[in-house]
């Protein structure tokens, strides 16, 4: 059944010509450079990692709340929440570092140095 659903996508031999106006949510002026494309990919990956960390925060909170006196389950939930918060902090700091470095690189490349 899954093969029948995926087969039309695989057999689609020619991709449509996409103009910059067809790409919604993508800044085409920024992605025309290699550094802009790299920054876009990194930001998407950090956003995905952030969503996963928030999901683990919710799961850990659910485990902690539903432990019902089970010490092992409560510790498992507490550990998951703490690790998710640490992950979110690391992701936010990574995003800050990527933006600072990209601004430094773009300002140095435009000043002619």
C-alpha atoms as a PDB file:
ATOM      1  CA  UNK A   1       0.000   0.000   0.000  1.00  0.00           C
ATOM      2  CA  UNK A   2       2.811   2.405   0.883  1.00  0.00           C
ATOM      3  CA  UNK A   3       4.575   1.572  -2.383  1.00  0.00           C
ATOM      4  CA  UNK A   4       1.448   2.467  -4.326  1.00  0.00           C
ATOM      5  CA  UNK A   5       1.292   5.826  -2.552  1.00  0.00           C
ATOM      6  CA  UNK A   6       4.973   6.635  -3.160  1.00  0.00           C
ATOM      7  CA  UNK A   7       5.238   5.302  -6.718  1.00  0.00           C
ATOM      8  CA  UNK A   8       3.757   8.387  -8.446  1.00  0.00           C
ATOM      9  CA  UNK A   9       6.315  10.593  -6.688  1.00  0.00           C
ATOM     10  CA  UNK A  10       9.199   8.349  -7.765  1.00  0.00           C
ATOM     11  CA  UNK A  11       7.993   8.162 -11.361  1.00  0.00           C
ATOM     12  CA  UNK A  12       7.687  11.955 -11.622  1.00  0.00           C
ATOM     13  CA  UNK A  13      10.663  12.235 -13.949  1.00  0.00           C
ATOM     14  CA  UNK A  14      10.906  15.971 -14.471  1.00  0.00           C
ATOM     15  CA  UNK A  15      10.832  18.474 -11.675  1.00  0.00           C
ATOM     16  CA  UNK A  16       8.880  21.655 -12.346  1.00  0.00           C
ATOM     17  CA  UNK A  17      10.778  24.864 -12.943  1.00  0.00           C
ATOM     18  CA  UNK A  18      10.633  26.773  -9.675  1.00  0.00           C
ATOM     19  CA  UNK A  19      10.988  30.512  -9.737  1.00  0.00           C
ATOM     20  CA  UNK A  20      12.011  32.504  -6.712  1.00  0.00           C
ATOM     21  CA  UNK A  21       8.412  33.712  -6.298  1.00  0.00           C
ATOM     22  CA  UNK A  22       7.231  30.067  -6.080  1.00  0.00           C
ATOM     23  CA  UNK A  23       9.276  29.394  -2.943  1.00  0.00           C
ATOM     24  CA  UNK A  24       7.198  30.642  -0.061  1.00  0.00           C
ATOM     25  CA  UNK A  25       9.036  31.474   3.133  1.00  0.00           C
ATOM     26  CA  UNK A  26      12.484  31.498   1.515  1.00  0.00           C
ATOM     27  CA  UNK A  27      14.411  34.739   1.109  1.00  0.00           C
ATOM     28  CA  UNK A  28      15.758  34.272  -2.405  1.00  0.00           C
ATOM     29  CA  UNK A  29      18.226  37.148  -2.190  1.00  0.00           C
ATOM     30  CA  UNK A  30      19.833  35.548   0.832  1.00  0.00           C
ATOM     31  CA  UNK A  31      20.013  32.031  -0.584  1.00  0.00           C
ATOM     32  CA  UNK A  32      21.773  33.104  -3.788  1.00  0.00           C
ATOM     33  CA  UNK A  33      25.105  33.007  -1.993  1.00  0.00           C
ATOM     34  CA  UNK A  34      26.746  29.919  -0.572  1.00  0.00           C
ATOM     35  CA  UNK A  35      26.989  31.433   2.909  1.00  0.00           C
ATOM     36  CA  UNK A  36      23.308  32.401   2.782  1.00  0.00           C
ATOM     37  CA  UNK A  37      22.359  28.877   1.806  1.00  0.00           C
ATOM     38  CA  UNK A  38      24.501  27.391   4.569  1.00  0.00           C
ATOM     39  CA  UNK A  39      22.937  29.765   7.117  1.00  0.00           C
ATOM     40  CA  UNK A  40      19.452  28.831   5.895  1.00  0.00           C
ATOM     41  CA  UNK A  41      20.170  25.102   6.247  1.00  0.00           C
ATOM     42  CA  UNK A  42      21.687  25.558   9.704  1.00  0.00           C
ATOM     43  CA  UNK A  43      18.706  27.624  10.857  1.00  0.00           C
ATOM     44  CA  UNK A  44      16.291  24.955   9.599  1.00  0.00           C
ATOM     45  CA  UNK A  45      18.273  22.246  11.379  1.00  0.00           C
ATOM     46  CA  UNK A  46      18.307  24.265  14.612  1.00  0.00           C
ATOM     47  CA  UNK A  47      14.559  24.827  14.327  1.00  0.00           C
ATOM     48  CA  UNK A  48      14.014  21.098  13.875  1.00  0.00           C
ATOM     49  CA  UNK A  49      16.279  20.349  16.852  1.00  0.00           C
ATOM     50  CA  UNK A  50      14.336  22.902  18.902  1.00  0.00           C
ATOM     51  CA  UNK A  51      11.044  21.231  18.046  1.00  0.00           C
ATOM     52  CA  UNK A  52      12.441  17.852  19.041  1.00  0.00           C
ATOM     53  CA  UNK A  53      13.753  19.292  22.336  1.00  0.00           C
ATOM     54  CA  UNK A  54      10.346  20.812  23.114  1.00  0.00           C
ATOM     55  CA  UNK A  55       8.731  17.469  22.315  1.00  0.00           C
ATOM     56  CA  UNK A  56      11.060  15.755  24.799  1.00  0.00           C
ATOM     57  CA  UNK A  57      10.256  18.458  27.353  1.00  0.00           C
ATOM     58  CA  UNK A  58       6.557  17.645  26.985  1.00  0.00           C
ATOM     59  CA  UNK A  59       7.183  13.892  27.143  1.00  0.00           C
ATOM     60  CA  UNK A  60       9.342  14.235  30.252  1.00  0.00           C
ATOM     61  CA  UNK A  61       6.747  16.412  31.936  1.00  0.00           C
ATOM     62  CA  UNK A  62       4.061  13.870  31.099  1.00  0.00           C
ATOM     63  CA  UNK A  63       6.167  11.044  32.545  1.00  0.00           C
ATOM     64  CA  UNK A  64       6.816  13.064  35.703  1.00  0.00           C
ATOM     65  CA  UNK A  65       3.171  14.012  36.207  1.00  0.00           C
ATOM     66  CA  UNK A  66       1.837  10.516  35.544  1.00  0.00           C
ATOM     67  CA  UNK A  67       4.403   8.736  37.730  1.00  0.00           C
ATOM     68  CA  UNK A  68       1.753   8.320  40.488  1.00  0.00           C
ATOM     69  CA  UNK A  69       4.310   7.707  43.223  1.00  0.00           C
ATOM     70  CA  UNK A  70       6.541   5.456  41.114  1.00  0.00           C
ATOM     71  CA  UNK A  71       9.978   6.806  42.008  1.00  0.00           C
ATOM     72  CA  UNK A  72      11.674   5.278  38.967  1.00  0.00           C
ATOM     73  CA  UNK A  73       9.169   6.846  36.556  1.00  0.00           C
ATOM     74  CA  UNK A  74       9.427  10.211  38.337  1.00  0.00           C
ATOM     75  CA  UNK A  75      13.215  10.189  38.079  1.00  0.00           C
ATOM     76  CA  UNK A  76      12.995   9.221  34.411  1.00  0.00           C
ATOM     77  CA  UNK A  77      10.638  12.141  33.731  1.00  0.00           C
ATOM     78  CA  UNK A  78      12.738  14.578  35.753  1.00  0.00           C
ATOM     79  CA  UNK A  79      15.892  13.541  33.923  1.00  0.00           C
ATOM     80  CA  UNK A  80      14.182  13.920  30.550  1.00  0.00           C
ATOM     81  CA  UNK A  81      12.939  17.418  31.459  1.00  0.00           C
ATOM     82  CA  UNK A  82      16.398  18.511  32.650  1.00  0.00           C
ATOM     83  CA  UNK A  83      18.082  17.133  29.524  1.00  0.00           C
ATOM     84  CA  UNK A  84      15.490  18.790  27.283  1.00  0.00           C
ATOM     85  CA  UNK A  85      16.051  22.161  28.961  1.00  0.00           C
ATOM     86  CA  UNK A  86      19.818  21.769  28.553  1.00  0.00           C
ATOM     87  CA  UNK A  87      19.227  20.919  24.883  1.00  0.00           C
ATOM     88  CA  UNK A  88      17.047  23.997  24.368  1.00  0.00           C
ATOM     89  CA  UNK A  89      19.717  26.221  25.937  1.00  0.00           C
ATOM     90  CA  UNK A  90      22.397  24.706  23.681  1.00  0.00           C
ATOM     91  CA  UNK A  91      20.192  25.166  20.596  1.00  0.00           C
ATOM     92  CA  UNK A  92      19.499  28.830  21.435  1.00  0.00           C
ATOM     93  CA  UNK A  93      23.202  29.479  22.036  1.00  0.00           C
ATOM     94  CA  UNK A  94      24.044  27.732  18.750  1.00  0.00           C
ATOM     95  CA  UNK A  95      21.576  29.955  16.916  1.00  0.00           C
ATOM     96  CA  UNK A  96      23.171  33.059  18.481  1.00  0.00           C
ATOM     97  CA  UNK A  97      26.662  31.875  17.510  1.00  0.00           C
ATOM     98  CA  UNK A  98      25.593  31.134  13.916  1.00  0.00           C
ATOM     99  CA  UNK A  99      24.036  34.583  13.535  1.00  0.00           C
ATOM    100  CA  UNK A 100      27.003  36.402  15.069  1.00  0.00           C
ATOM    101  CA  UNK A 101      29.517  34.534  12.906  1.00  0.00           C
ATOM    102  CA  UNK A 102      27.457  35.027   9.744  1.00  0.00           C
ATOM    103  CA  UNK A 103      27.193  38.770  10.404  1.00  0.00           C
ATOM    104  CA  UNK A 104      30.943  38.980  10.992  1.00  0.00           C
ATOM    105  CA  UNK A 105      31.679  37.051   7.817  1.00  0.00           C
ATOM    106  CA  UNK A 106      29.214  39.055   5.705  1.00  0.00           C
ATOM    107  CA  UNK A 107      30.449  42.393   7.068  1.00  0.00           C
ATOM    108  CA  UNK A 108      34.083  41.442   6.357  1.00  0.00           C
ATOM    109  CA  UNK A 109      33.288  40.223   2.858  1.00  0.00           C
ATOM    110  CA  UNK A 110      31.370  43.406   1.934  1.00  0.00           C
ATOM    111  CA  UNK A 111      34.018  45.795   3.304  1.00  0.00           C
ATOM    112  CA  UNK A 112      36.621  44.547   0.848  1.00  0.00           C
ATOM    113  CA  UNK A 113      39.009  43.109   3.414  1.00  0.00           C
END
